[in-house]
Amino acid sequence: MTTRLTRTRNRREARTRTRTARAARPAAALAALALLPALLGGCGLHSGSRLADDVEPGSVGRGRPLQGAHLTVTSKEFSESIILGHVMGIAFEAAGADVQDRTGIQGSIGTREAIKSGDADAMYEYTGTGWITYLGHDKPVVDPYEQWKAVRDADRRNGVAWLPPAELDNTYALALNEAHARRYGTRTLSDVAALAKRDPEAVTVCVGNEFAVRDDGLPGMAEAYGLDLPSARIRKMDDGIIYTQVAKGRACAFGEVATTDGRIPALGLKVLEDDRHFFPNYNAAPEIHAKTLERYPAIADVLAPITKKLTNEVASRLNARVDVDGEDPHDVARDWLVEEGFVRNG
């Protein structure tokens, strides 16, 4: 049985985590469900530690509307998800709740089942993941708000409540360095497809192993844009390495990135426009165990102004503090909440 993690250990381990790809497509998700009895029957999902921040209400949490509540927040293991999990947890603390930290769970399936079962109460999840991976749809909804509404309405039957989404949209993209951007003049994915036809040797792409096979990854993108990309011009590697390889521009000219990753501005990468709107919207939104929200409806009021402040620019800056500067995700989350006036240091 997994031993109870201390908060110090959580933070130390969080610094070493690299960004991983989002949840697998429905077929892969269904395969992973076969592992759930062992996962949920063990102690992995029950590890964690109590948040113990000395924070007081700022613009959120006034009157301590969550006083007496015992809430568990969770997240996936990549930096942005961990940061958002701590943002949520610290806000709940300021509103009076006793909060258990179970951020950093590997993969999407574990966090999803924890929310559905009530083993965890809340997390920030992505609407595209909800619509495609969890609810099994093949095509995204183009409009971001309509995408969220579709997820919200469909997931009610699963005992999961979705609160309004953030502007933050952490979707897939291709990027290249400034030198290659000037050389090839590519601004959109359609430009890349045209370049591949005009100069096939120019288009080499670095991708993660999962993105290389996902329908909403490289295969689907190539089909949508008519991009003829032989396997010899595809370089598979760990997701975290892609950013530095694209910046160097030797192993590949183009690379898979997540649009809110802090390494994009840090390395001066140029993100290509998805001009045919192939990639789903992955707007971050609070995903809450429905019975928890029924019992503590003030959760919605606590999170609403925070979610409205979450943009791609904010996420990129916070992610960079973790992935580039090596800071603790919990400290990054708390600093931002204090900086925005949502909470005050006690």
Protein backbone atom coordinates (compact mmCIF):
# COMPACT_ATOMS: atom_id res chain seq x y z
CA MET A 1 0.00 0.00 0.00
CA THR A 2 1.28 3.42 -0.92
CA THR A 3 2.45 5.36 2.11
CA ARG A 4 0.87 8.70 2.89
CA LEU A 5 2.79 11.38 1.03
CA THR A 6 3.91 14.46 2.88
CA ARG A 7 3.40 17.85 1.38
CA THR A 8 7.14 18.35 1.14
CA ARG A 9 7.55 15.21 -0.88
CA ASN A 10 4.65 16.21 -3.14
CA ARG A 11 6.34 19.49 -3.91
CA ARG A 12 9.77 17.95 -4.49
CA GLU A 13 8.38 15.36 -6.85
CA ALA A 14 6.27 17.95 -8.65
CA ARG A 15 9.41 19.76 -9.77
CA THR A 16 10.60 16.69 -11.65
CA ARG A 17 7.39 16.02 -13.54
CA THR A 18 7.38 16.77 -17.24
CA ARG A 19 4.38 17.56 -19.29
CA THR A 20 2.66 14.52 -20.73
CA ALA A 21 0.08 14.23 -23.47
CA ARG A 22 -3.58 14.46 -22.64
CA ALA A 23 -5.80 11.47 -22.14
CA ALA A 24 -5.98 8.84 -24.86
CA ARG A 25 -8.82 8.72 -27.36
CA PRO A 26 -11.95 6.76 -26.40
CA ALA A 27 -10.58 3.36 -27.49
CA ALA A 28 -7.51 3.78 -25.36
CA ALA A 29 -9.57 5.15 -22.50
CA LEU A 30 -11.83 2.11 -22.60
CA ALA A 31 -8.81 -0.16 -22.50
CA ALA A 32 -7.50 1.71 -19.48
CA LEU A 33 -10.82 1.20 -17.71
CA ALA A 34 -9.89 -2.46 -17.37
CA LEU A 35 -7.20 -1.37 -14.95
CA LEU A 36 -9.55 0.61 -12.71
CA PRO A 37 -10.40 -2.13 -10.19
CA ALA A 38 -6.73 -2.47 -9.30
CA LEU A 39 -6.22 1.27 -9.39
CA LEU A 40 -9.18 2.17 -7.25
CA GLY A 41 -8.85 -0.86 -5.01
CA GLY A 42 -5.29 0.02 -4.07
CA CYS A 43 -4.09 2.95 -2.05
CA GLY A 44 -2.66 5.13 -4.85
CA LEU A 45 -5.71 7.35 -5.13
CA HIS A 46 -6.01 7.68 -1.38
CA SER A 47 -2.56 9.14 -0.86
CA GLY A 48 -2.16 12.85 -0.33
CA SER A 49 -1.75 15.42 2.37
CA ARG A 50 -3.75 18.17 3.96
CA LEU A 51 -3.17 21.67 2.64
CA ALA A 52 -2.19 23.93 5.50
CA ASP A 53 -1.80 27.40 4.05
CA ASP A 54 -2.22 30.41 6.27
CA VAL A 55 -4.54 32.28 3.92
CA GLU A 56 -7.55 34.47 4.40
CA PRO A 57 -10.33 35.56 2.06
CA GLY A 58 -9.54 38.29 -0.40
CA SER A 59 -12.04 38.95 -3.13
CA VAL A 60 -13.16 35.31 -2.88
CA GLY A 61 -14.21 33.34 0.17
CA ARG A 62 -15.59 36.25 2.14
CA GLY A 63 -17.71 35.07 5.03
CA ARG A 64 -16.04 31.64 4.84
CA PRO A 65 -18.93 29.99 2.92
CA LEU A 66 -17.13 26.63 2.91
CA GLN A 67 -16.52 26.56 6.66
CA GLY A 68 -16.78 22.97 7.87
CA ALA A 69 -16.44 21.43 4.40
CA HIS A 70 -13.89 18.65 3.86
CA LEU A 71 -12.89 18.75 0.21
CA THR A 72 -10.36 16.80 -1.84
CA VAL A 73 -8.80 18.41 -4.90
CA THR A 74 -7.05 16.41 -7.58
CA SER A 75 -5.16 16.91 -10.84
CA LYS A 76 -3.20 15.10 -13.51
CA GLU A 77 0.58 14.97 -13.31
CA PHE A 78 1.63 17.74 -15.72
CA SER A 79 2.57 21.18 -14.48
CA GLU A 80 -0.46 23.19 -15.58
CA SER A 81 -2.91 20.70 -14.09
CA ILE A 82 -0.99 20.62 -10.81
CA ILE A 83 -0.92 24.42 -10.63
CA LEU A 84 -4.66 24.64 -11.27
CA GLY A 85 -5.31 21.97 -8.65
CA HIS A 86 -3.46 24.05 -6.07
CA VAL A 87 -5.21 27.24 -7.20
CA MET A 88 -8.50 25.50 -6.48
CA GLY A 89 -7.36 24.02 -3.18
CA ILE A 90 -5.97 27.28 -1.79
CA ALA A 91 -9.15 29.13 -2.78
CA PHE A 92 -11.19 26.53 -0.92
CA GLU A 93 -8.94 26.97 2.13
CA ALA A 94 -9.48 30.73 2.11
CA ALA A 95 -13.23 30.08 1.97
CA GLY A 96 -12.98 27.99 5.15
CA ALA A 97 -12.70 24.42 3.88
CA ASP A 98 -10.38 21.72 5.12
CA VAL A 99 -8.63 20.58 1.93
CA GLN A 100 -6.94 17.32 1.06
CA ASP A 101 -4.33 17.55 -1.70
CA ARG A 102 -4.33 14.67 -4.17
CA THR A 103 -2.84 16.47 -7.13
CA GLY A 104 -0.43 14.83 -9.54
CA ILE A 105 -2.27 11.57 -10.32
CA GLN A 106 -0.81 9.88 -13.38
CA GLY A 107 -3.10 9.94 -16.40
CA SER A 108 -6.64 11.13 -16.91
CA ILE A 109 -8.54 7.97 -16.10
CA GLY A 110 -7.64 7.97 -12.40
CA THR A 111 -8.67 11.58 -11.86
CA ARG A 112 -11.86 11.14 -13.86
CA GLU A 113 -12.98 8.11 -11.87
CA ALA A 114 -12.09 9.84 -8.61
CA ILE A 115 -14.41 12.74 -9.48
CA LYS A 116 -17.21 10.45 -10.67
CA SER A 117 -17.08 8.29 -7.55
CA GLY A 118 -16.68 11.17 -5.10
CA ASP A 119 -13.27 9.90 -4.03
CA ALA A 120 -12.17 13.41 -5.05
CA ASP A 121 -14.42 16.45 -5.12
CA ALA A 122 -12.99 18.86 -7.65
CA MET A 123 -10.37 19.57 -10.30
CA TYR A 124 -9.81 21.71 -13.38
CA GLU A 125 -10.40 19.54 -16.44
CA TYR A 126 -10.38 20.31 -20.16
CA THR A 127 -13.59 20.43 -22.18
CA GLY A 128 -12.09 18.66 -25.19
CA THR A 129 -10.94 15.80 -22.98
CA GLY A 130 -14.42 15.57 -21.49
CA TRP A 131 -16.18 15.58 -24.86
CA ILE A 132 -13.90 13.25 -26.81
CA THR A 133 -12.12 11.04 -24.30
CA TYR A 134 -14.69 10.61 -21.54
CA LEU A 135 -17.94 10.99 -23.47
CA GLY A 136 -16.75 9.18 -26.57
CA HIS A 137 -17.46 11.68 -29.35
CA ASP A 138 -15.40 11.67 -32.52
CA LYS A 139 -15.73 15.29 -33.59
CA PRO A 140 -15.23 18.41 -31.46
CA VAL A 141 -17.70 21.26 -31.22
CA VAL A 142 -16.05 24.23 -32.93
CA ASP A 143 -17.43 26.98 -30.69
CA PRO A 144 -15.67 26.84 -27.27
CA TYR A 145 -18.71 27.78 -25.22
CA GLU A 146 -20.97 25.37 -27.07
CA GLN A 147 -18.33 22.69 -26.52
CA TRP A 148 -18.51 23.32 -22.78
CA LYS A 149 -22.33 23.31 -22.77
CA ALA A 150 -22.38 20.00 -24.61
CA VAL A 151 -20.00 18.46 -22.07
CA ARG A 152 -21.91 19.93 -19.12
CA ASP A 153 -25.25 18.62 -20.32
CA ALA A 154 -24.01 15.16 -21.33
CA ASP A 155 -21.99 14.57 -18.15
CA ARG A 156 -24.87 15.19 -15.75
CA ARG A 157 -25.92 11.56 -16.09
CA ASN A 158 -22.47 10.54 -14.82
CA GLY A 159 -22.82 12.52 -11.61
CA VAL A 160 -20.32 15.13 -12.79
CA ALA A 161 -20.96 18.88 -12.79
CA TRP A 162 -19.03 21.32 -15.00
CA LEU A 163 -18.83 24.97 -13.96
CA PRO A 164 -18.33 27.70 -16.60
CA PRO A 165 -15.02 27.49 -18.49
CA ALA A 166 -11.96 29.68 -18.61
CA GLU A 167 -10.68 31.44 -21.69
CA LEU A 168 -7.58 29.28 -21.15
CA ASP A 169 -7.48 26.82 -24.07
CA ASN A 170 -4.60 24.37 -23.80
CA THR A 171 -4.88 22.65 -27.15
CA TYR A 172 -2.39 21.06 -29.51
CA ALA A 173 -0.37 22.98 -32.09
CA LEU A 174 2.74 22.80 -34.22
CA ALA A 175 5.55 25.28 -33.60
CA LEU A 176 8.90 26.20 -35.11
CA ASN A 177 11.80 28.45 -34.23
CA GLU A 178 12.23 31.99 -35.53
CA ALA A 179 14.88 31.06 -38.07
CA HIS A 180 12.68 28.46 -39.72
CA ALA A 181 9.68 30.77 -39.57
CA ARG A 182 11.62 33.39 -41.54
CA ARG A 183 13.06 30.81 -43.95
CA TYR A 184 9.79 29.08 -44.83
CA GLY A 185 7.28 31.86 -44.22
CA THR A 186 4.84 29.45 -42.57
CA ARG A 187 2.13 30.95 -40.39
CA THR A 188 -0.58 28.29 -40.59
CA LEU A 189 -0.87 24.51 -40.79
CA SER A 190 -2.10 24.94 -44.36
CA ASP A 191 1.23 26.64 -45.08
CA VAL A 192 3.04 23.57 -43.75
CA ALA A 193 1.02 21.27 -46.02
CA ALA A 194 1.84 23.49 -49.00
CA LEU A 195 5.52 23.51 -48.03
CA ALA A 196 5.54 19.70 -47.85
CA LYS A 197 4.29 19.53 -51.44
CA ARG A 198 6.69 22.21 -52.65
CA ASP A 199 9.77 21.10 -50.72
CA PRO A 200 9.20 17.67 -49.08
CA GLU A 201 12.58 17.58 -47.38
CA ALA A 202 11.84 20.81 -45.50
CA VAL A 203 9.06 19.35 -43.35
CA THR A 204 10.38 17.24 -40.49
CA VAL A 205 8.24 16.96 -37.38
CA CYS A 206 9.04 16.06 -33.76
CA VAL A 207 6.11 14.48 -31.93
CA GLY A 208 5.39 12.55 -28.76
CA ASN A 209 4.54 8.87 -29.02
CA GLU A 210 0.87 9.43 -28.18
CA PHE A 211 0.37 12.39 -30.50
CA ALA A 212 1.87 10.28 -33.29
CA VAL A 213 -1.05 7.82 -33.20
CA ARG A 214 -4.04 9.78 -31.86
CA ASP A 215 -6.91 10.57 -34.21
CA ASP A 216 -6.89 14.11 -32.80
CA GLY A 217 -3.11 14.15 -33.16
CA LEU A 218 -0.77 13.77 -36.11
CA PRO A 219 -2.78 11.25 -38.21
CA GLY A 220 -5.97 13.28 -38.03
CA MET A 221 -4.16 16.58 -38.57
CA ALA A 222 -2.34 15.20 -41.62
CA GLU A 223 -5.60 13.98 -43.10
CA ALA A 224 -7.44 17.24 -42.40
CA TYR A 225 -4.72 19.33 -44.05
CA GLY A 226 -3.70 16.95 -46.83
CA LEU A 227 -0.24 16.79 -45.31
CA ASP A 228 1.82 14.00 -46.88
CA LEU A 229 4.38 13.13 -44.22
CA PRO A 230 6.42 9.93 -44.70
CA SER A 231 7.54 8.14 -41.53
CA ALA A 232 11.18 9.01 -42.28
CA ARG A 233 10.39 12.68 -41.62
CA ILE A 234 8.64 12.03 -38.30
CA ARG A 235 10.82 12.03 -35.15
CA LYS A 236 9.23 10.45 -32.08
CA MET A 237 10.50 11.50 -28.66
CA ASP A 238 9.51 12.43 -25.10
CA ASP A 239 7.10 15.37 -25.08
CA GLY A 240 9.35 17.47 -22.87
CA ILE A 241 12.30 17.17 -25.26
CA ILE A 242 10.36 18.41 -28.27
CA TYR A 243 10.55 22.05 -27.20
CA THR A 244 14.35 22.16 -27.05
CA GLN A 245 14.71 20.16 -30.27
CA VAL A 246 12.43 22.55 -32.15
CA ALA A 247 14.33 25.52 -30.70
CA LYS A 248 17.60 24.04 -31.97
CA GLY A 249 16.01 23.25 -35.31
CA ARG A 250 18.29 20.39 -36.23
CA ALA A 251 16.33 17.21 -35.45
CA CYS A 252 13.14 18.75 -36.83
CA ALA A 253 11.81 22.00 -38.22
CA PHE A 254 8.36 21.64 -36.65
CA GLY A 255 7.19 20.12 -33.39
CA GLU A 256 4.08 19.25 -31.41
CA VAL A 257 3.43 21.66 -28.53
CA ALA A 258 0.72 22.47 -26.02
CA THR A 259 -0.35 26.06 -26.56
CA THR A 260 -0.06 27.22 -22.95
CA ASP A 261 3.35 25.67 -22.28
CA GLY A 262 5.72 28.21 -20.75
CA ARG A 263 8.63 26.94 -22.81
CA ILE A 264 7.10 28.39 -25.99
CA PRO A 265 7.87 32.05 -25.12
CA ALA A 266 10.98 31.11 -23.15
CA LEU A 267 12.52 29.48 -26.22
CA GLY A 268 11.11 31.98 -28.71
CA LEU A 269 9.01 29.44 -30.59
CA LYS A 270 6.36 30.46 -33.12
CA VAL A 271 3.00 28.66 -32.91
CA LEU A 272 1.28 27.91 -36.22
CA GLU A 273 -2.40 28.78 -36.62
CA ASP A 274 -4.81 25.86 -36.89
CA ASP A 275 -6.62 27.63 -39.73
CA ARG A 276 -9.02 24.74 -40.41
CA HIS A 277 -9.90 24.40 -36.72
CA PHE A 278 -8.93 20.74 -36.60
CA PHE A 279 -7.82 20.52 -32.97
CA PRO A 280 -10.54 20.43 -30.28
CA ASN A 281 -11.05 23.23 -27.78
CA TYR A 282 -9.44 22.30 -24.49
CA ASN A 283 -10.78 25.06 -22.25
CA ALA A 284 -10.08 24.54 -18.56
CA ALA A 285 -13.24 24.32 -16.44
CA PRO A 286 -13.98 23.20 -12.88
CA GLU A 287 -15.18 19.59 -12.88
CA ILE A 288 -17.01 18.82 -9.63
CA HIS A 289 -18.53 15.69 -8.13
CA ALA A 290 -22.24 16.56 -8.49
CA LYS A 291 -23.25 15.63 -4.93
CA THR A 292 -20.42 17.76 -3.56
CA LEU A 293 -21.71 20.77 -5.48
CA GLU A 294 -25.24 20.11 -4.26
CA ARG A 295 -23.98 20.05 -0.67
CA TYR A 296 -21.68 23.06 -1.06
CA PRO A 297 -23.12 25.29 -3.82
CA ALA A 298 -20.81 28.11 -2.68
CA ILE A 299 -18.03 26.29 -4.57
CA ALA A 300 -19.36 27.87 -7.77
CA ASP A 301 -19.14 31.39 -6.35
CA VAL A 302 -15.63 30.82 -5.00
CA LEU A 303 -14.28 29.57 -8.32
CA ALA A 304 -16.15 31.79 -10.80
CA PRO A 305 -13.94 34.93 -10.61
CA ILE A 306 -10.78 32.83 -10.55
CA THR A 307 -11.78 30.89 -13.66
CA LYS A 308 -12.57 34.13 -15.48
CA LYS A 309 -8.99 35.30 -14.92
CA LEU A 310 -7.41 32.17 -16.41
CA THR A 311 -6.13 32.92 -19.91
CA ASN A 312 -3.49 31.37 -22.13
CA GLU A 313 -1.14 34.20 -21.23
CA VAL A 314 -1.63 33.63 -17.49
CA ALA A 315 -1.19 29.88 -17.84
CA SER A 316 1.93 30.27 -19.97
CA ARG A 317 3.51 32.58 -17.40
CA LEU A 318 2.68 30.31 -14.46
CA ASN A 319 3.77 27.18 -16.33
CA ALA A 320 7.11 28.79 -17.16
CA ARG A 321 7.81 29.40 -13.49
CA VAL A 322 7.57 25.64 -12.97
CA ASP A 323 8.93 24.18 -16.23
CA VAL A 324 11.58 26.80 -16.96
CA ASP A 325 12.49 28.26 -13.56
CA GLY A 326 11.96 25.10 -11.49
CA GLU A 327 9.62 26.64 -8.93
CA ASP A 328 7.13 24.75 -6.78
CA PRO A 329 3.64 24.54 -8.39
CA HIS A 330 1.99 25.17 -5.02
CA ASP A 331 3.99 28.35 -4.45
CA VAL A 332 3.27 29.51 -8.00
CA ALA A 333 -0.47 28.97 -7.46
CA ARG A 334 -0.51 30.80 -4.14
CA ASP A 335 1.57 33.72 -5.43
CA TRP A 336 -0.85 34.23 -8.32
CA LEU A 337 -3.93 34.12 -6.08
CA VAL A 338 -2.37 36.70 -3.75
CA GLU A 339 -1.18 38.84 -6.67
CA GLU A 340 -4.71 38.93 -8.09
CA GLY A 341 -6.21 39.71 -4.69
CA PHE A 342 -8.29 36.54 -4.56
CA VAL A 343 -6.73 35.53 -1.22
CA ARG A 344 -4.56 37.24 1.36
CA ASN A 345 -1.65 35.87 3.31
CA GLY A 346 -2.63 35.22 6.92
